């Protein structure tokens, strides 16, 4: 977890659930973390959010993401790596609020992680995007991940990827697609009864 000398940067309360004023239970923001990075992009919140949810476009701007595959409506498989090294893992979107918030959890056990991204409007009409991550290693890897050096390396990587996204979306000027649905506790929420199922898969993100 977070080493003692980093404790001032982390709030000790773990992530959980919270009821909103409308009575809907939503995920509490990730308050204990190893990584937190923010970037401001010169596009409106809706544009930034819509493009972010197009996960399959991440390889177009990322230096480490090589492929993203939709496995189930809320589960994607990511292939990342440097040079010839590749690592494939799956993540589940557990909470998603359009134009505001997206939270995920890694489905691997060794190691796993949690993460979230928040979208907030800025005074200039742009968007502040904040990514937080909590690493959850097991076994001997737990001691390694507790090192501040690992957190620093991860922070630099997230910071660089956010800058890459900034250049990408500002260069486009508009989103290349969108999914405007909501996810609660890993389930897609439907405002209306679901239509009869088609033989053709329609994924909520992509």
N, C-alpha and C. Protein backbone atom coordinates (compact mmCIF):
# COMPACT_ATOMS: atom_id res chain seq x y z
N UNK A 1 0.84 -1.18 0.00
CA UNK A 1 0.00 0.00 0.00
C UNK A 1 0.88 1.25 0.00
N UNK A 2 0.34 2.39 0.42
CA UNK A 2 1.12 3.61 0.37
C UNK A 2 2.14 3.61 1.50
N UNK A 3 3.45 3.81 1.21
CA UNK A 3 4.45 3.84 2.26
C UNK A 3 4.23 5.01 3.20
N UNK A 4 4.84 4.92 4.41
CA UNK A 4 4.59 5.91 5.44
C UNK A 4 4.94 7.31 4.99
N UNK A 5 6.07 7.47 4.24
CA UNK A 5 6.48 8.81 3.86
C UNK A 5 5.58 9.42 2.80
N UNK A 6 4.68 8.61 2.23
CA UNK A 6 3.72 9.14 1.26
C UNK A 6 2.34 9.32 1.87
N UNK A 7 2.22 9.05 3.18
CA UNK A 7 0.89 8.98 3.78
C UNK A 7 0.15 10.31 3.73
N UNK A 8 0.88 11.44 3.67
CA UNK A 8 0.19 12.72 3.64
C UNK A 8 -0.53 12.94 2.32
N UNK A 9 -0.17 12.18 1.27
CA UNK A 9 -0.81 12.34 -0.03
C UNK A 9 -2.02 11.45 -0.19
N UNK A 10 -2.26 10.58 0.79
CA UNK A 10 -3.35 9.61 0.65
C UNK A 10 -4.32 9.76 1.80
N UNK A 11 -5.60 9.72 1.49
CA UNK A 11 -6.63 9.72 2.52
C UNK A 11 -6.87 8.28 2.91
N UNK A 12 -6.83 7.92 4.22
CA UNK A 12 -6.85 6.52 4.60
C UNK A 12 -8.15 5.80 4.35
N UNK A 13 -9.23 6.51 4.11
CA UNK A 13 -10.50 5.82 3.88
C UNK A 13 -10.47 5.07 2.56
N UNK A 14 -10.83 3.79 2.54
CA UNK A 14 -10.84 3.02 1.29
C UNK A 14 -12.03 3.37 0.44
N UNK A 15 -12.01 2.98 -0.85
CA UNK A 15 -13.17 3.23 -1.70
C UNK A 15 -14.39 2.46 -1.20
N UNK A 16 -15.56 2.99 -1.43
CA UNK A 16 -16.78 2.31 -1.02
C UNK A 16 -17.95 2.79 -1.83
N UNK A 17 -19.14 2.71 -1.24
CA UNK A 17 -20.34 3.13 -1.94
C UNK A 17 -20.99 4.26 -1.14
N UNK A 18 -21.72 5.13 -1.84
CA UNK A 18 -22.40 6.24 -1.18
C UNK A 18 -23.76 6.46 -1.84
N UNK A 19 -24.81 6.71 -1.05
CA UNK A 19 -26.12 7.04 -1.63
C UNK A 19 -26.18 8.52 -1.97
N UNK A 20 -26.65 8.85 -3.17
CA UNK A 20 -26.82 10.24 -3.57
C UNK A 20 -28.19 10.74 -3.13
N UNK A 21 -28.43 12.04 -3.40
CA UNK A 21 -29.70 12.64 -2.99
C UNK A 21 -30.89 11.96 -3.66
N UNK A 22 -30.66 11.41 -4.85
CA UNK A 22 -31.77 10.75 -5.55
C UNK A 22 -31.99 9.32 -5.09
N UNK A 23 -31.21 8.89 -4.07
CA UNK A 23 -31.39 7.56 -3.53
C UNK A 23 -30.62 6.47 -4.24
N UNK A 24 -29.91 6.84 -5.32
CA UNK A 24 -29.13 5.86 -6.09
C UNK A 24 -27.76 5.69 -5.43
N UNK A 25 -27.37 4.45 -5.21
CA UNK A 25 -26.07 4.17 -4.61
C UNK A 25 -25.00 4.20 -5.67
N UNK A 26 -24.00 5.06 -5.46
CA UNK A 26 -22.91 5.20 -6.41
C UNK A 26 -21.59 4.97 -5.71
N UNK A 27 -20.57 4.69 -6.49
CA UNK A 27 -19.26 4.42 -5.95
C UNK A 27 -18.65 5.70 -5.38
N UNK A 28 -18.11 5.62 -4.18
CA UNK A 28 -17.39 6.75 -3.60
C UNK A 28 -16.09 6.95 -4.36
N UNK A 29 -15.72 8.19 -4.63
CA UNK A 29 -14.45 8.41 -5.33
C UNK A 29 -13.28 7.74 -4.62
N UNK A 30 -12.32 7.31 -5.40
CA UNK A 30 -11.14 6.61 -4.88
C UNK A 30 -10.33 7.58 -4.04
N UNK A 31 -10.29 7.37 -2.73
CA UNK A 31 -9.68 8.34 -1.83
C UNK A 31 -8.28 7.93 -1.41
N UNK A 32 -7.98 6.66 -1.40
CA UNK A 32 -6.62 6.21 -1.14
C UNK A 32 -6.02 5.79 -2.47
N UNK A 33 -4.83 6.27 -2.80
CA UNK A 33 -4.30 6.00 -4.13
C UNK A 33 -2.77 6.09 -4.11
N UNK A 34 -2.19 5.48 -5.11
CA UNK A 34 -0.76 5.61 -5.35
C UNK A 34 -0.48 6.69 -6.39
N UNK A 35 -1.46 6.93 -7.26
CA UNK A 35 -1.25 7.83 -8.40
C UNK A 35 -2.42 8.79 -8.53
N UNK A 36 -2.13 10.05 -8.77
CA UNK A 36 -3.15 11.03 -9.14
C UNK A 36 -2.51 12.05 -10.07
N UNK A 37 -3.05 12.15 -11.27
CA UNK A 37 -2.53 13.08 -12.27
C UNK A 37 -3.70 13.78 -12.96
N UNK A 38 -3.50 15.06 -13.30
CA UNK A 38 -4.54 15.86 -13.94
C UNK A 38 -3.97 16.58 -15.15
N UNK A 39 -4.78 16.68 -16.19
CA UNK A 39 -4.42 17.46 -17.37
C UNK A 39 -5.64 18.28 -17.78
N UNK A 40 -5.40 19.48 -18.30
CA UNK A 40 -6.48 20.31 -18.83
C UNK A 40 -6.43 20.27 -20.34
N UNK A 41 -7.57 20.01 -20.95
CA UNK A 41 -7.65 19.94 -22.41
C UNK A 41 -8.58 21.04 -22.90
N UNK A 42 -8.29 21.57 -24.07
CA UNK A 42 -9.03 22.71 -24.61
C UNK A 42 -10.21 22.26 -25.46
N UNK A 43 -11.03 21.38 -24.90
CA UNK A 43 -12.29 20.98 -25.54
C UNK A 43 -13.33 20.88 -24.43
N UNK A 44 -14.62 21.00 -24.75
CA UNK A 44 -15.66 20.90 -23.72
C UNK A 44 -15.68 19.52 -23.08
N UNK A 45 -16.29 19.46 -21.89
CA UNK A 45 -16.38 18.21 -21.14
C UNK A 45 -17.02 17.11 -21.97
N UNK A 46 -18.10 17.41 -22.64
CA UNK A 46 -18.80 16.38 -23.41
C UNK A 46 -17.89 15.79 -24.49
N UNK A 47 -17.12 16.63 -25.15
CA UNK A 47 -16.22 16.14 -26.19
C UNK A 47 -15.12 15.26 -25.60
N UNK A 48 -14.50 15.73 -24.51
CA UNK A 48 -13.43 14.96 -23.87
C UNK A 48 -13.94 13.61 -23.36
N UNK A 49 -15.09 13.63 -22.71
CA UNK A 49 -15.66 12.40 -22.17
C UNK A 49 -16.03 11.42 -23.29
N UNK A 50 -16.70 11.93 -24.31
CA UNK A 50 -17.11 11.06 -25.41
C UNK A 50 -15.91 10.37 -26.05
N UNK A 51 -14.82 11.11 -26.28
CA UNK A 51 -13.66 10.51 -26.91
C UNK A 51 -12.99 9.51 -25.98
N UNK A 52 -12.93 9.82 -24.69
CA UNK A 52 -12.29 8.91 -23.74
C UNK A 52 -12.97 7.55 -23.73
N UNK A 53 -14.28 7.53 -23.85
CA UNK A 53 -15.01 6.26 -23.80
C UNK A 53 -14.82 5.41 -25.05
N UNK A 54 -14.17 5.95 -26.06
CA UNK A 54 -13.86 5.18 -27.27
C UNK A 54 -12.53 4.46 -27.05
N UNK A 55 -12.57 3.43 -26.22
CA UNK A 55 -11.34 2.77 -25.76
C UNK A 55 -10.51 2.21 -26.91
N UNK A 56 -11.17 1.77 -27.96
CA UNK A 56 -10.42 1.17 -29.06
C UNK A 56 -9.53 2.16 -29.79
N UNK A 57 -9.73 3.47 -29.53
CA UNK A 57 -8.87 4.47 -30.17
C UNK A 57 -7.62 4.77 -29.35
N UNK A 58 -7.50 4.20 -28.15
CA UNK A 58 -6.33 4.48 -27.31
C UNK A 58 -5.00 4.17 -28.02
N UNK A 59 -4.89 3.09 -28.78
CA UNK A 59 -3.60 2.84 -29.47
C UNK A 59 -3.21 3.94 -30.45
N UNK A 60 -4.15 4.79 -30.85
CA UNK A 60 -3.83 5.85 -31.81
C UNK A 60 -2.98 6.96 -31.19
N UNK A 61 -3.05 7.10 -29.86
CA UNK A 61 -2.27 8.16 -29.21
C UNK A 61 -1.35 7.65 -28.10
N UNK A 62 -1.63 6.44 -27.59
CA UNK A 62 -0.86 5.92 -26.46
C UNK A 62 0.47 5.32 -26.91
N UNK A 63 1.50 5.46 -26.06
CA UNK A 63 2.80 4.85 -26.31
C UNK A 63 2.88 3.44 -25.75
N UNK A 64 1.90 3.03 -24.94
CA UNK A 64 1.97 1.71 -24.30
C UNK A 64 0.78 0.81 -24.62
N UNK A 65 -0.35 1.39 -25.01
CA UNK A 65 -1.53 0.57 -25.32
C UNK A 65 -1.47 0.13 -26.78
N UNK A 66 -1.47 -1.18 -27.00
CA UNK A 66 -1.36 -1.72 -28.36
C UNK A 66 -2.69 -2.22 -28.90
N UNK A 67 -3.59 -2.61 -28.01
CA UNK A 67 -4.87 -3.15 -28.50
C UNK A 67 -5.88 -3.12 -27.36
N UNK A 68 -7.15 -2.85 -27.70
CA UNK A 68 -8.24 -2.92 -26.73
C UNK A 68 -9.37 -3.71 -27.38
N UNK A 69 -9.81 -4.75 -26.70
CA UNK A 69 -10.87 -5.61 -27.23
C UNK A 69 -12.06 -5.60 -26.29
N UNK A 70 -13.25 -5.43 -26.86
CA UNK A 70 -14.47 -5.49 -26.05
C UNK A 70 -14.83 -6.95 -25.82
N UNK A 71 -14.91 -7.35 -24.56
CA UNK A 71 -15.21 -8.74 -24.21
C UNK A 71 -16.68 -8.90 -23.85
N UNK A 72 -17.16 -8.03 -22.99
CA UNK A 72 -18.57 -7.98 -22.59
C UNK A 72 -18.97 -6.51 -22.50
N UNK A 73 -20.24 -6.21 -22.31
CA UNK A 73 -20.64 -4.80 -22.28
C UNK A 73 -19.84 -3.92 -21.34
N UNK A 74 -19.38 -4.45 -20.22
CA UNK A 74 -18.63 -3.62 -19.27
C UNK A 74 -17.20 -4.12 -19.08
N UNK A 75 -16.76 -5.08 -19.87
CA UNK A 75 -15.41 -5.65 -19.71
C UNK A 75 -14.62 -5.48 -20.99
N UNK A 76 -13.39 -4.96 -20.87
CA UNK A 76 -12.49 -4.84 -22.00
C UNK A 76 -11.16 -5.51 -21.67
N UNK A 77 -10.49 -6.03 -22.70
CA UNK A 77 -9.17 -6.64 -22.56
C UNK A 77 -8.15 -5.72 -23.20
N UNK A 78 -7.12 -5.36 -22.45
CA UNK A 78 -6.10 -4.41 -22.88
C UNK A 78 -4.78 -5.13 -23.09
N UNK A 79 -4.10 -4.80 -24.17
CA UNK A 79 -2.74 -5.29 -24.40
C UNK A 79 -1.81 -4.09 -24.35
N UNK A 80 -0.88 -4.10 -23.39
CA UNK A 80 0.05 -3.00 -23.24
C UNK A 80 1.47 -3.55 -23.29
N UNK A 81 2.44 -2.66 -23.49
CA UNK A 81 3.82 -3.12 -23.48
C UNK A 81 4.78 -2.10 -24.03
N UNK A 82 6.06 -2.41 -23.85
CA UNK A 82 7.16 -1.60 -24.37
C UNK A 82 8.01 -2.50 -25.26
N UNK A 83 8.33 -2.04 -26.45
CA UNK A 83 9.15 -2.84 -27.35
C UNK A 83 8.49 -4.18 -27.63
N UNK A 84 9.25 -5.29 -27.51
CA UNK A 84 8.67 -6.61 -27.80
C UNK A 84 7.85 -7.18 -26.64
N UNK A 85 7.91 -6.55 -25.47
CA UNK A 85 7.20 -7.06 -24.30
C UNK A 85 5.73 -6.71 -24.37
N UNK A 86 4.87 -7.68 -24.07
CA UNK A 86 3.43 -7.47 -24.11
C UNK A 86 2.78 -8.07 -22.86
N UNK A 87 1.74 -7.40 -22.39
CA UNK A 87 0.98 -7.91 -21.25
C UNK A 87 -0.50 -7.66 -21.53
N UNK A 88 -1.31 -8.69 -21.39
CA UNK A 88 -2.74 -8.58 -21.66
C UNK A 88 -3.51 -8.78 -20.35
N UNK A 89 -4.46 -7.91 -20.08
CA UNK A 89 -5.25 -8.02 -18.86
C UNK A 89 -6.65 -7.46 -19.13
N UNK A 90 -7.57 -7.83 -18.27
CA UNK A 90 -8.97 -7.39 -18.42
C UNK A 90 -9.35 -6.43 -17.31
N UNK A 91 -10.20 -5.47 -17.65
CA UNK A 91 -10.73 -4.54 -16.65
C UNK A 91 -12.24 -4.47 -16.79
N UNK A 92 -12.90 -4.20 -15.69
CA UNK A 92 -14.36 -4.05 -15.68
C UNK A 92 -14.71 -2.61 -15.29
N UNK A 93 -15.58 -1.98 -16.07
CA UNK A 93 -16.12 -0.68 -15.70
C UNK A 93 -17.19 -0.92 -14.65
N UNK A 94 -17.00 -0.37 -13.46
CA UNK A 94 -17.96 -0.60 -12.38
C UNK A 94 -18.91 0.56 -12.19
N UNK A 95 -18.47 1.78 -12.54
CA UNK A 95 -19.34 2.95 -12.45
C UNK A 95 -19.04 3.87 -13.63
N UNK A 96 -20.09 4.45 -14.19
CA UNK A 96 -19.89 5.39 -15.29
C UNK A 96 -21.05 6.38 -15.32
N UNK A 97 -20.71 7.66 -15.19
CA UNK A 97 -21.68 8.75 -15.28
C UNK A 97 -21.28 9.64 -16.44
N UNK A 98 -22.13 9.80 -17.45
CA UNK A 98 -21.78 10.62 -18.61
C UNK A 98 -21.29 12.01 -18.22
N UNK A 99 -20.20 12.43 -18.86
CA UNK A 99 -19.61 13.76 -18.70
C UNK A 99 -19.07 14.01 -17.29
N UNK A 100 -18.90 12.97 -16.48
CA UNK A 100 -18.48 13.23 -15.10
C UNK A 100 -17.46 12.23 -14.57
N UNK A 101 -17.73 10.93 -14.72
CA UNK A 101 -16.98 9.98 -13.90
C UNK A 101 -16.99 8.60 -14.54
N UNK A 102 -15.85 7.91 -14.37
CA UNK A 102 -15.74 6.52 -14.83
C UNK A 102 -14.79 5.81 -13.88
N UNK A 103 -15.18 4.67 -13.35
CA UNK A 103 -14.34 3.91 -12.43
C UNK A 103 -14.22 2.47 -12.93
N UNK A 104 -13.03 1.90 -12.75
CA UNK A 104 -12.80 0.53 -13.21
C UNK A 104 -12.02 -0.25 -12.16
N UNK A 105 -12.01 -1.57 -12.34
CA UNK A 105 -11.17 -2.44 -11.51
C UNK A 105 -10.53 -3.48 -12.39
N UNK A 106 -9.28 -3.80 -12.09
CA UNK A 106 -8.61 -4.87 -12.82
C UNK A 106 -9.15 -6.21 -12.38
N UNK A 107 -9.29 -7.13 -13.32
CA UNK A 107 -9.81 -8.46 -13.01
C UNK A 107 -8.71 -9.47 -12.74
N UNK A 108 -7.46 -9.06 -12.88
CA UNK A 108 -6.36 -9.95 -12.54
C UNK A 108 -6.16 -9.97 -11.04
N UNK A 109 -5.62 -11.08 -10.54
CA UNK A 109 -5.36 -11.20 -9.12
C UNK A 109 -3.92 -10.84 -8.77
N UNK A 110 -2.99 -11.04 -9.69
CA UNK A 110 -1.57 -10.82 -9.40
C UNK A 110 -0.92 -10.05 -10.53
N UNK A 111 -0.74 -8.73 -10.42
CA UNK A 111 -1.39 -7.87 -9.42
C UNK A 111 -2.69 -7.34 -9.98
N UNK A 112 -3.45 -6.64 -9.14
CA UNK A 112 -4.66 -6.00 -9.61
C UNK A 112 -4.57 -4.52 -9.29
N UNK A 113 -5.59 -3.78 -9.69
CA UNK A 113 -5.59 -2.35 -9.43
C UNK A 113 -7.01 -1.81 -9.55
N UNK A 114 -7.22 -0.64 -9.02
CA UNK A 114 -8.45 0.11 -9.21
C UNK A 114 -8.09 1.46 -9.82
N UNK A 115 -9.04 2.05 -10.50
CA UNK A 115 -8.77 3.35 -11.08
C UNK A 115 -10.05 4.10 -11.34
N UNK A 116 -9.90 5.39 -11.57
CA UNK A 116 -11.04 6.22 -11.89
C UNK A 116 -10.56 7.43 -12.68
N UNK A 117 -11.47 8.02 -13.44
CA UNK A 117 -11.17 9.25 -14.16
C UNK A 117 -12.36 10.17 -14.00
N UNK A 118 -12.08 11.43 -13.65
CA UNK A 118 -13.11 12.44 -13.46
C UNK A 118 -12.95 13.53 -14.51
N UNK A 119 -14.07 14.08 -14.94
CA UNK A 119 -14.10 15.15 -15.94
C UNK A 119 -14.80 16.35 -15.31
N UNK A 120 -14.11 17.50 -15.30
CA UNK A 120 -14.67 18.70 -14.70
C UNK A 120 -14.49 19.88 -15.65
N UNK A 121 -15.51 20.72 -15.82
CA UNK A 121 -15.36 21.91 -16.68
C UNK A 121 -14.42 22.93 -16.05
N UNK A 122 -13.67 23.62 -16.88
CA UNK A 122 -12.78 24.68 -16.41
C UNK A 122 -13.39 26.03 -16.76
N UNK A 123 -12.87 27.09 -16.14
CA UNK A 123 -13.39 28.44 -16.38
C UNK A 123 -13.22 28.88 -17.82
N UNK A 124 -12.23 28.30 -18.50
CA UNK A 124 -11.97 28.69 -19.89
C UNK A 124 -12.85 27.94 -20.89
N UNK A 125 -13.68 27.02 -20.39
CA UNK A 125 -14.54 26.25 -21.29
C UNK A 125 -13.94 24.92 -21.69
N UNK A 126 -12.78 24.60 -21.13
CA UNK A 126 -12.15 23.31 -21.41
C UNK A 126 -12.53 22.28 -20.37
N UNK A 127 -11.67 21.27 -20.21
CA UNK A 127 -11.96 20.16 -19.32
C UNK A 127 -10.72 19.80 -18.51
N UNK A 128 -10.89 19.62 -17.21
CA UNK A 128 -9.84 19.06 -16.36
C UNK A 128 -10.11 17.57 -16.20
N UNK A 129 -9.16 16.75 -16.61
CA UNK A 129 -9.29 15.30 -16.53
C UNK A 129 -8.33 14.81 -15.45
N UNK A 130 -8.86 14.13 -14.44
CA UNK A 130 -8.04 13.61 -13.34
C UNK A 130 -8.13 12.09 -13.32
N UNK A 131 -6.97 11.44 -13.31
CA UNK A 131 -6.89 9.98 -13.22
C UNK A 131 -6.28 9.62 -11.87
N UNK A 132 -6.92 8.71 -11.16
CA UNK A 132 -6.39 8.17 -9.91
C UNK A 132 -6.29 6.65 -10.01
N UNK A 133 -5.26 6.09 -9.42
CA UNK A 133 -5.09 4.64 -9.45
C UNK A 133 -4.60 4.15 -8.10
N UNK A 134 -5.09 2.99 -7.70
CA UNK A 134 -4.65 2.31 -6.49
C UNK A 134 -4.14 0.94 -6.90
N UNK A 135 -2.86 0.68 -6.72
CA UNK A 135 -2.27 -0.61 -7.05
C UNK A 135 -2.53 -1.59 -5.92
N UNK A 136 -2.87 -2.83 -6.29
CA UNK A 136 -3.20 -3.84 -5.29
C UNK A 136 -2.44 -5.13 -5.58
N UNK A 137 -1.15 -5.14 -5.29
CA UNK A 137 -0.34 -6.33 -5.56
C UNK A 137 -0.59 -7.43 -4.54
N UNK A 138 -0.11 -8.62 -4.83
CA UNK A 138 -0.20 -9.76 -3.92
C UNK A 138 1.18 -10.35 -3.74
N UNK A 139 1.38 -10.99 -2.59
CA UNK A 139 2.62 -11.71 -2.36
C UNK A 139 3.84 -10.81 -2.30
N UNK A 140 4.95 -11.30 -2.87
CA UNK A 140 6.21 -10.56 -2.83
C UNK A 140 6.12 -9.25 -3.57
N UNK A 141 5.26 -9.19 -4.61
CA UNK A 141 5.13 -7.96 -5.39
C UNK A 141 4.57 -6.82 -4.55
N UNK A 142 3.92 -7.15 -3.42
CA UNK A 142 3.34 -6.10 -2.58
C UNK A 142 4.42 -5.20 -2.02
N UNK A 143 5.56 -5.79 -1.61
CA UNK A 143 6.66 -4.98 -1.07
C UNK A 143 7.26 -4.09 -2.15
N UNK A 144 7.36 -4.62 -3.38
CA UNK A 144 7.92 -3.84 -4.47
C UNK A 144 7.04 -2.66 -4.82
N UNK A 145 5.73 -2.90 -4.90
CA UNK A 145 4.80 -1.84 -5.28
C UNK A 145 4.67 -0.79 -4.19
N UNK A 146 4.95 -1.18 -2.95
CA UNK A 146 4.92 -0.21 -1.87
C UNK A 146 6.03 0.81 -1.96
N UNK A 147 7.03 0.54 -2.80
CA UNK A 147 8.12 1.48 -2.96
C UNK A 147 7.65 2.75 -3.64
N UNK A 148 8.14 3.89 -3.16
CA UNK A 148 7.76 5.16 -3.76
C UNK A 148 8.25 5.25 -5.20
N UNK A 149 9.34 4.54 -5.55
CA UNK A 149 9.86 4.58 -6.91
C UNK A 149 8.86 4.02 -7.91
N UNK A 150 8.18 2.93 -7.52
CA UNK A 150 7.18 2.34 -8.41
C UNK A 150 6.03 3.31 -8.62
N UNK A 151 5.60 3.96 -7.54
CA UNK A 151 4.52 4.95 -7.66
C UNK A 151 4.95 6.10 -8.55
N UNK A 152 6.20 6.52 -8.42
CA UNK A 152 6.69 7.63 -9.23
C UNK A 152 6.74 7.26 -10.71
N UNK A 153 7.18 6.04 -11.01
CA UNK A 153 7.23 5.59 -12.41
C UNK A 153 5.82 5.53 -12.99
N UNK A 154 4.88 4.99 -12.21
CA UNK A 154 3.50 4.89 -12.67
C UNK A 154 2.91 6.28 -12.89
N UNK A 155 3.22 7.21 -11.99
CA UNK A 155 2.71 8.58 -12.14
C UNK A 155 3.24 9.22 -13.41
N UNK A 156 4.52 9.02 -13.70
CA UNK A 156 5.09 9.60 -14.91
C UNK A 156 4.43 9.02 -16.16
N UNK A 157 4.15 7.72 -16.12
CA UNK A 157 3.51 7.07 -17.26
C UNK A 157 2.11 7.62 -17.48
N UNK A 158 1.32 7.73 -16.39
CA UNK A 158 -0.04 8.26 -16.49
C UNK A 158 -0.01 9.70 -16.97
N UNK A 159 0.94 10.49 -16.46
CA UNK A 159 1.06 11.89 -16.87
C UNK A 159 1.34 11.99 -18.37
N UNK A 160 2.23 11.15 -18.86
CA UNK A 160 2.57 11.19 -20.28
C UNK A 160 1.39 10.76 -21.14
N UNK A 161 0.66 9.75 -20.69
CA UNK A 161 -0.49 9.29 -21.46
C UNK A 161 -1.60 10.35 -21.48
N UNK A 162 -1.77 11.07 -20.39
CA UNK A 162 -2.75 12.15 -20.38
C UNK A 162 -2.35 13.26 -21.34
N UNK A 163 -1.07 13.57 -21.40
CA UNK A 163 -0.59 14.57 -22.36
C UNK A 163 -0.81 14.09 -23.80
N UNK A 164 -0.61 12.81 -24.03
CA UNK A 164 -0.86 12.26 -25.37
C UNK A 164 -2.33 12.37 -25.74
N UNK A 165 -3.21 12.11 -24.77
CA UNK A 165 -4.65 12.24 -25.02
C UNK A 165 -5.00 13.70 -25.31
N UNK A 166 -4.40 14.61 -24.57
CA UNK A 166 -4.64 16.04 -24.78
C UNK A 166 -4.30 16.45 -26.22
N UNK A 167 -3.12 16.05 -26.68
CA UNK A 167 -2.71 16.38 -28.05
C UNK A 167 -3.65 15.74 -29.07
N UNK A 168 -4.09 14.53 -28.77
CA UNK A 168 -4.96 13.79 -29.69
C UNK A 168 -6.32 14.47 -29.83
N UNK A 169 -6.99 14.73 -28.71
CA UNK A 169 -8.35 15.27 -28.79
C UNK A 169 -8.34 16.73 -29.25
N UNK A 170 -7.32 17.49 -28.85
CA UNK A 170 -7.24 18.88 -29.32
C UNK A 170 -6.93 18.93 -30.81
N UNK A 171 -6.19 17.95 -31.28
CA UNK A 171 -5.91 17.89 -32.71
C UNK A 171 -7.17 17.54 -33.51
N UNK A 172 -7.99 16.64 -32.96
CA UNK A 172 -9.24 16.28 -33.63
C UNK A 172 -10.24 17.43 -33.57
N UNK A 173 -10.35 18.04 -32.40
CA UNK A 173 -11.30 19.14 -32.23
C UNK A 173 -12.70 18.68 -31.90
N UNK A 174 -12.99 17.41 -32.18
CA UNK A 174 -14.30 16.84 -31.85
C UNK A 174 -14.14 15.34 -31.68
N UNK A 175 -15.08 14.75 -30.96
CA UNK A 175 -15.00 13.33 -30.67
C UNK A 175 -15.24 12.49 -31.92
N UNK A 176 -14.65 11.30 -31.92
CA UNK A 176 -14.85 10.39 -33.04
C UNK A 176 -15.94 9.37 -32.79
N UNK A 177 -16.66 9.52 -31.68
CA UNK A 177 -17.74 8.58 -31.34
C UNK A 177 -18.16 8.85 -29.92
N UNK A 178 -19.20 8.16 -29.47
CA UNK A 178 -19.68 8.38 -28.11
C UNK A 178 -20.56 7.23 -27.66
N UNK A 179 -20.53 6.97 -26.35
CA UNK A 179 -21.53 6.12 -25.70
C UNK A 179 -21.99 6.86 -24.47
N UNK A 180 -23.31 7.15 -24.40
CA UNK A 180 -23.83 8.04 -23.38
C UNK A 180 -24.56 7.30 -22.27
N UNK A 181 -24.28 6.03 -22.11
CA UNK A 181 -24.98 5.24 -21.10
C UNK A 181 -24.39 5.39 -19.71
N UNK A 182 -25.07 4.79 -18.75
CA UNK A 182 -24.68 4.82 -17.34
C UNK A 182 -24.44 3.40 -16.86
N UNK A 183 -23.44 3.23 -16.00
CA UNK A 183 -23.13 1.92 -15.42
C UNK A 183 -23.16 2.05 -13.90
N UNK A 184 -23.82 1.11 -13.25
CA UNK A 184 -23.87 1.05 -11.79
C UNK A 184 -23.48 -0.36 -11.34
N UNK A 185 -22.47 -0.43 -10.48
CA UNK A 185 -22.05 -1.71 -9.93
C UNK A 185 -21.78 -2.75 -11.02
N UNK A 186 -21.17 -2.30 -12.12
CA UNK A 186 -20.80 -3.20 -13.19
C UNK A 186 -21.93 -3.59 -14.11
N UNK A 187 -23.07 -2.92 -14.01
CA UNK A 187 -24.23 -3.23 -14.86
C UNK A 187 -24.67 -1.99 -15.63
N UNK A 188 -24.93 -2.18 -16.91
CA UNK A 188 -25.45 -1.09 -17.73
C UNK A 188 -26.88 -0.81 -17.33
N UNK A 189 -27.18 0.47 -17.09
CA UNK A 189 -28.53 0.87 -16.69
C UNK A 189 -29.35 1.21 -17.92
N UNK A 190 -30.60 0.75 -17.94
CA UNK A 190 -31.49 0.99 -19.07
C UNK A 190 -32.68 1.83 -18.60
N UNK A 191 -32.88 2.97 -19.24
CA UNK A 191 -34.00 3.84 -18.89
C UNK A 191 -35.33 3.28 -19.38
N UNK A 192 -35.25 2.44 -20.41
CA UNK A 192 -36.46 1.86 -20.99
C UNK A 192 -36.27 0.35 -21.06
N UNK A 193 -37.37 -0.40 -21.16
CA UNK A 193 -37.25 -1.85 -21.29
C UNK A 193 -36.35 -2.21 -22.47
N UNK A 194 -35.54 -3.25 -22.27
CA UNK A 194 -34.63 -3.66 -23.33
C UNK A 194 -35.40 -4.22 -24.52
N UNK A 195 -35.02 -3.85 -25.74
CA UNK A 195 -35.67 -4.40 -26.93
C UNK A 195 -35.27 -5.86 -27.11
N UNK A 196 -35.99 -6.58 -27.97
CA UNK A 196 -35.59 -7.96 -28.24
C UNK A 196 -34.14 -8.04 -28.67
N UNK A 197 -33.44 -9.06 -28.22
CA UNK A 197 -32.03 -9.17 -28.51
C UNK A 197 -31.76 -9.47 -29.98
N UNK A 198 -30.79 -8.76 -30.50
CA UNK A 198 -30.38 -8.98 -31.88
C UNK A 198 -29.25 -9.98 -31.92
N UNK A 199 -29.04 -10.61 -33.06
CA UNK A 199 -27.92 -11.51 -33.24
C UNK A 199 -26.61 -10.74 -33.37
N UNK A 200 -26.71 -9.45 -33.63
CA UNK A 200 -25.52 -8.62 -33.80
C UNK A 200 -25.21 -7.95 -32.46
N UNK A 201 -23.96 -8.08 -31.99
CA UNK A 201 -23.59 -7.49 -30.71
C UNK A 201 -23.46 -5.98 -30.82
N UNK A 202 -24.02 -5.29 -29.82
CA UNK A 202 -23.88 -3.83 -29.74
C UNK A 202 -23.26 -3.51 -28.40
N UNK A 203 -21.99 -3.15 -28.40
CA UNK A 203 -21.29 -2.88 -27.14
C UNK A 203 -21.50 -1.42 -26.75
N UNK A 204 -21.48 -1.15 -25.44
CA UNK A 204 -21.73 0.21 -24.98
C UNK A 204 -20.54 1.14 -25.13
N UNK A 205 -19.34 0.63 -25.31
CA UNK A 205 -18.17 1.48 -25.47
C UNK A 205 -17.38 0.97 -26.64
N UNK A 206 -16.58 1.84 -27.22
CA UNK A 206 -15.82 1.29 -28.29
C UNK A 206 -15.02 2.20 -29.09
